[in-house]
N, C-alpha and C. Protein backbone atom coordinates (compact mmCIF):
# COMPACT_ATOMS: atom_id res chain seq x y z
N UNK A 1 -10.93 -35.79 -1.20
CA UNK A 1 -12.01 -34.82 -1.09
C UNK A 1 -11.50 -33.46 -0.59
N UNK A 2 -10.50 -33.49 0.30
CA UNK A 2 -9.98 -32.24 0.84
C UNK A 2 -9.30 -31.40 -0.24
N UNK A 3 -8.57 -32.06 -1.14
CA UNK A 3 -7.93 -31.34 -2.23
C UNK A 3 -8.98 -30.64 -3.09
N UNK A 4 -10.08 -31.31 -3.36
CA UNK A 4 -11.17 -30.72 -4.14
C UNK A 4 -11.73 -29.50 -3.42
N UNK A 5 -11.98 -29.62 -2.12
CA UNK A 5 -12.55 -28.49 -1.35
C UNK A 5 -11.58 -27.31 -1.31
N UNK A 6 -10.30 -27.59 -1.12
CA UNK A 6 -9.31 -26.51 -1.09
C UNK A 6 -9.20 -25.83 -2.45
N UNK A 7 -9.21 -26.62 -3.51
CA UNK A 7 -9.15 -26.06 -4.85
C UNK A 7 -10.39 -25.23 -5.14
N UNK A 8 -11.53 -25.74 -4.75
CA UNK A 8 -12.79 -25.01 -4.94
C UNK A 8 -12.76 -23.68 -4.18
N UNK A 9 -12.28 -23.69 -2.95
CA UNK A 9 -12.18 -22.45 -2.16
C UNK A 9 -11.25 -21.45 -2.82
N UNK A 10 -10.16 -21.94 -3.39
CA UNK A 10 -9.23 -21.06 -4.09
C UNK A 10 -9.92 -20.34 -5.25
N UNK A 11 -10.68 -21.09 -6.05
CA UNK A 11 -11.36 -20.48 -7.19
C UNK A 11 -12.49 -19.54 -6.75
N UNK A 12 -13.15 -19.88 -5.67
CA UNK A 12 -14.18 -18.98 -5.13
C UNK A 12 -13.53 -17.68 -4.67
N UNK A 13 -12.38 -17.77 -3.98
CA UNK A 13 -11.68 -16.57 -3.52
C UNK A 13 -11.22 -15.74 -4.71
N UNK A 14 -10.71 -16.38 -5.74
CA UNK A 14 -10.30 -15.64 -6.92
C UNK A 14 -11.47 -14.88 -7.53
N UNK A 15 -12.63 -15.51 -7.58
CA UNK A 15 -13.82 -14.83 -8.09
C UNK A 15 -14.21 -13.64 -7.22
N UNK A 16 -14.15 -13.81 -5.91
CA UNK A 16 -14.46 -12.69 -5.01
C UNK A 16 -13.50 -11.53 -5.23
N UNK A 17 -12.22 -11.82 -5.38
CA UNK A 17 -11.23 -10.76 -5.60
C UNK A 17 -11.49 -10.05 -6.93
N UNK A 18 -11.81 -10.81 -7.96
CA UNK A 18 -12.12 -10.19 -9.26
C UNK A 18 -13.34 -9.28 -9.17
N UNK A 19 -14.38 -9.72 -8.47
CA UNK A 19 -15.58 -8.89 -8.30
C UNK A 19 -15.22 -7.64 -7.51
N UNK A 20 -14.40 -7.79 -6.46
CA UNK A 20 -14.00 -6.63 -5.65
C UNK A 20 -13.25 -5.61 -6.49
N UNK A 21 -12.30 -6.07 -7.32
CA UNK A 21 -11.53 -5.14 -8.15
C UNK A 21 -12.44 -4.44 -9.14
N UNK A 22 -13.32 -5.18 -9.77
CA UNK A 22 -14.22 -4.57 -10.74
C UNK A 22 -15.13 -3.55 -10.07
N UNK A 23 -15.71 -3.92 -8.94
CA UNK A 23 -16.65 -3.02 -8.25
C UNK A 23 -15.92 -1.79 -7.70
N UNK A 24 -14.78 -1.99 -7.05
CA UNK A 24 -14.08 -0.85 -6.45
C UNK A 24 -13.50 0.06 -7.52
N UNK A 25 -12.99 -0.51 -8.61
CA UNK A 25 -12.40 0.35 -9.65
C UNK A 25 -13.47 1.12 -10.43
N UNK A 26 -14.71 0.63 -10.40
CA UNK A 26 -15.81 1.38 -11.01
C UNK A 26 -16.30 2.51 -10.09
N UNK A 27 -15.84 2.51 -8.83
CA UNK A 27 -16.30 3.47 -7.84
C UNK A 27 -15.13 4.15 -7.13
N UNK A 28 -14.12 4.55 -7.87
CA UNK A 28 -12.91 5.12 -7.27
C UNK A 28 -13.16 6.55 -6.81
N UNK A 29 -13.63 6.67 -5.59
CA UNK A 29 -13.93 7.96 -4.97
C UNK A 29 -13.25 7.96 -3.60
N UNK A 30 -12.43 8.98 -3.36
CA UNK A 30 -11.75 9.09 -2.08
C UNK A 30 -12.76 9.02 -0.93
N UNK A 31 -12.47 8.21 0.08
CA UNK A 31 -13.33 8.08 1.24
C UNK A 31 -14.45 7.07 1.08
N UNK A 32 -14.61 6.53 -0.10
CA UNK A 32 -15.69 5.56 -0.34
C UNK A 32 -15.35 4.23 0.33
N UNK A 33 -16.36 3.62 0.90
CA UNK A 33 -16.22 2.27 1.42
C UNK A 33 -17.52 1.53 1.11
N UNK A 34 -17.39 0.24 0.97
CA UNK A 34 -18.56 -0.57 0.65
C UNK A 34 -18.34 -1.98 1.17
N UNK A 35 -19.42 -2.65 1.43
CA UNK A 35 -19.39 -4.03 1.87
C UNK A 35 -20.65 -4.69 1.35
N UNK A 36 -20.50 -5.87 0.80
CA UNK A 36 -21.68 -6.57 0.30
C UNK A 36 -21.44 -8.08 0.33
N UNK A 37 -22.53 -8.80 0.36
CA UNK A 37 -22.49 -10.25 0.42
C UNK A 37 -23.03 -10.84 -0.87
N UNK A 38 -22.30 -11.81 -1.39
CA UNK A 38 -22.69 -12.57 -2.56
C UNK A 38 -22.99 -14.00 -2.11
N UNK A 39 -23.59 -14.81 -2.94
CA UNK A 39 -23.82 -16.20 -2.55
C UNK A 39 -22.54 -16.97 -2.22
N UNK A 40 -21.39 -16.52 -2.74
CA UNK A 40 -20.14 -17.25 -2.49
C UNK A 40 -19.28 -16.63 -1.39
N UNK A 41 -19.66 -15.46 -0.86
CA UNK A 41 -18.86 -14.84 0.19
C UNK A 41 -19.13 -13.36 0.35
N UNK A 42 -18.28 -12.72 1.14
CA UNK A 42 -18.44 -11.31 1.50
C UNK A 42 -17.22 -10.52 1.04
N UNK A 43 -17.49 -9.30 0.58
CA UNK A 43 -16.44 -8.40 0.09
C UNK A 43 -16.60 -7.06 0.82
N UNK A 44 -15.49 -6.50 1.26
CA UNK A 44 -15.52 -5.13 1.79
C UNK A 44 -14.25 -4.41 1.33
N UNK A 45 -14.38 -3.11 1.11
CA UNK A 45 -13.23 -2.32 0.72
C UNK A 45 -13.41 -0.88 1.17
N UNK A 46 -12.26 -0.18 1.31
CA UNK A 46 -12.21 1.24 1.66
C UNK A 46 -11.19 1.90 0.73
N UNK A 47 -11.52 3.10 0.27
CA UNK A 47 -10.64 3.82 -0.65
C UNK A 47 -10.09 5.07 0.04
N UNK A 48 -8.77 5.23 -0.02
CA UNK A 48 -8.10 6.37 0.61
C UNK A 48 -7.20 7.05 -0.42
N UNK A 49 -7.08 8.36 -0.31
CA UNK A 49 -6.23 9.13 -1.21
C UNK A 49 -4.78 9.06 -0.74
N UNK A 50 -3.89 8.90 -1.70
CA UNK A 50 -2.46 8.99 -1.44
C UNK A 50 -1.94 10.21 -2.19
N UNK A 51 -0.65 10.32 -2.36
CA UNK A 51 -0.07 11.45 -3.09
C UNK A 51 -0.02 11.20 -4.58
N UNK A 52 0.18 12.23 -5.36
CA UNK A 52 0.41 12.18 -6.80
C UNK A 52 -0.71 11.47 -7.57
N UNK A 53 -1.96 11.67 -7.17
CA UNK A 53 -3.07 11.11 -7.91
C UNK A 53 -3.28 9.62 -7.73
N UNK A 54 -2.72 9.06 -6.66
CA UNK A 54 -2.90 7.64 -6.38
C UNK A 54 -3.96 7.42 -5.32
N UNK A 55 -4.73 6.36 -5.48
CA UNK A 55 -5.71 5.95 -4.49
C UNK A 55 -5.34 4.56 -3.99
N UNK A 56 -5.48 4.36 -2.69
CA UNK A 56 -5.21 3.05 -2.08
C UNK A 56 -6.54 2.40 -1.73
N UNK A 57 -6.72 1.18 -2.20
CA UNK A 57 -7.95 0.43 -1.93
C UNK A 57 -7.58 -0.74 -1.02
N UNK A 58 -8.02 -0.67 0.25
CA UNK A 58 -7.85 -1.78 1.18
C UNK A 58 -9.06 -2.69 1.06
N UNK A 59 -8.84 -4.00 1.04
CA UNK A 59 -9.95 -4.91 0.85
C UNK A 59 -9.84 -6.15 1.73
N UNK A 60 -10.98 -6.77 1.96
CA UNK A 60 -11.08 -8.07 2.61
C UNK A 60 -12.15 -8.87 1.90
N UNK A 61 -11.82 -10.12 1.58
CA UNK A 61 -12.77 -11.04 0.97
C UNK A 61 -12.83 -12.29 1.85
N UNK A 62 -14.04 -12.76 2.14
CA UNK A 62 -14.23 -13.94 2.98
C UNK A 62 -15.20 -14.88 2.28
N UNK A 63 -14.78 -16.13 2.09
CA UNK A 63 -15.67 -17.11 1.46
C UNK A 63 -16.69 -17.62 2.48
N UNK A 64 -17.67 -18.35 1.99
CA UNK A 64 -18.69 -18.95 2.85
C UNK A 64 -18.06 -19.91 3.87
N UNK A 65 -16.92 -20.51 3.55
CA UNK A 65 -16.23 -21.44 4.45
C UNK A 65 -15.17 -20.72 5.30
N UNK A 66 -15.24 -19.37 5.34
CA UNK A 66 -14.38 -18.52 6.16
C UNK A 66 -12.92 -18.45 5.76
N UNK A 67 -12.62 -18.73 4.49
CA UNK A 67 -11.28 -18.43 3.98
C UNK A 67 -11.22 -16.92 3.79
N UNK A 68 -10.19 -16.29 4.36
CA UNK A 68 -10.12 -14.82 4.36
C UNK A 68 -8.84 -14.35 3.68
N UNK A 69 -8.98 -13.40 2.77
CA UNK A 69 -7.85 -12.72 2.14
C UNK A 69 -8.03 -11.22 2.35
N UNK A 70 -6.96 -10.58 2.75
CA UNK A 70 -6.96 -9.13 2.87
C UNK A 70 -5.74 -8.59 2.14
N UNK A 71 -5.84 -7.35 1.75
CA UNK A 71 -4.71 -6.72 1.08
C UNK A 71 -5.08 -5.33 0.62
N UNK A 72 -4.31 -4.83 -0.31
CA UNK A 72 -4.61 -3.52 -0.88
C UNK A 72 -4.04 -3.45 -2.29
N UNK A 73 -4.58 -2.52 -3.05
CA UNK A 73 -3.94 -2.17 -4.32
C UNK A 73 -3.92 -0.65 -4.43
N UNK A 74 -2.96 -0.16 -5.18
CA UNK A 74 -2.82 1.28 -5.43
C UNK A 74 -3.16 1.53 -6.89
N UNK A 75 -4.07 2.46 -7.09
CA UNK A 75 -4.55 2.80 -8.43
C UNK A 75 -4.10 4.20 -8.78
N UNK A 76 -3.43 4.33 -9.92
CA UNK A 76 -2.98 5.64 -10.39
C UNK A 76 -4.07 6.24 -11.27
N UNK A 77 -4.63 7.36 -10.82
CA UNK A 77 -5.74 8.00 -11.54
C UNK A 77 -5.29 8.61 -12.87
N UNK A 78 -4.05 9.07 -12.95
CA UNK A 78 -3.55 9.67 -14.19
C UNK A 78 -3.42 8.63 -15.30
N UNK A 79 -2.77 7.51 -14.97
CA UNK A 79 -2.55 6.46 -15.95
C UNK A 79 -3.72 5.46 -16.01
N UNK A 80 -4.63 5.56 -15.05
CA UNK A 80 -5.79 4.69 -14.94
C UNK A 80 -5.39 3.22 -14.96
N UNK A 81 -4.51 2.88 -14.00
CA UNK A 81 -4.07 1.49 -13.88
C UNK A 81 -3.66 1.18 -12.46
N UNK A 82 -3.71 -0.10 -12.13
CA UNK A 82 -3.21 -0.57 -10.84
C UNK A 82 -1.69 -0.60 -10.93
N UNK A 83 -1.04 0.08 -9.99
CA UNK A 83 0.42 0.17 -10.02
C UNK A 83 1.08 -0.68 -8.92
N UNK A 84 0.28 -1.15 -7.97
CA UNK A 84 0.84 -2.00 -6.91
C UNK A 84 -0.26 -2.88 -6.36
N UNK A 85 0.12 -4.12 -6.00
CA UNK A 85 -0.83 -5.09 -5.43
C UNK A 85 -0.14 -5.77 -4.26
N UNK A 86 -0.83 -5.89 -3.12
CA UNK A 86 -0.26 -6.55 -1.96
C UNK A 86 -1.35 -7.33 -1.24
N UNK A 87 -1.05 -8.56 -0.88
CA UNK A 87 -1.95 -9.39 -0.08
C UNK A 87 -1.27 -9.75 1.21
N UNK A 88 -2.05 -9.87 2.28
CA UNK A 88 -1.49 -10.32 3.55
C UNK A 88 -2.44 -11.22 4.27
């Protein structure tokens, strides 16, 4: 049963991260931050300007069972793509 719960939490976290990327990349504005709760967990992110047209998006996702992932990605506004991804 524990393997099932851990696997389920993994897929829930993946879904939260996908929603966070979609939502934050649709709202790439320097200084923007947002936090919202879904039935499967909570998402928060903050967007900061870097050099050369890059934006850094710091994020935290927490499932209903308190599995927590934090990290950041760097988005290049010129090329309109994620150029770096880091989780901690």
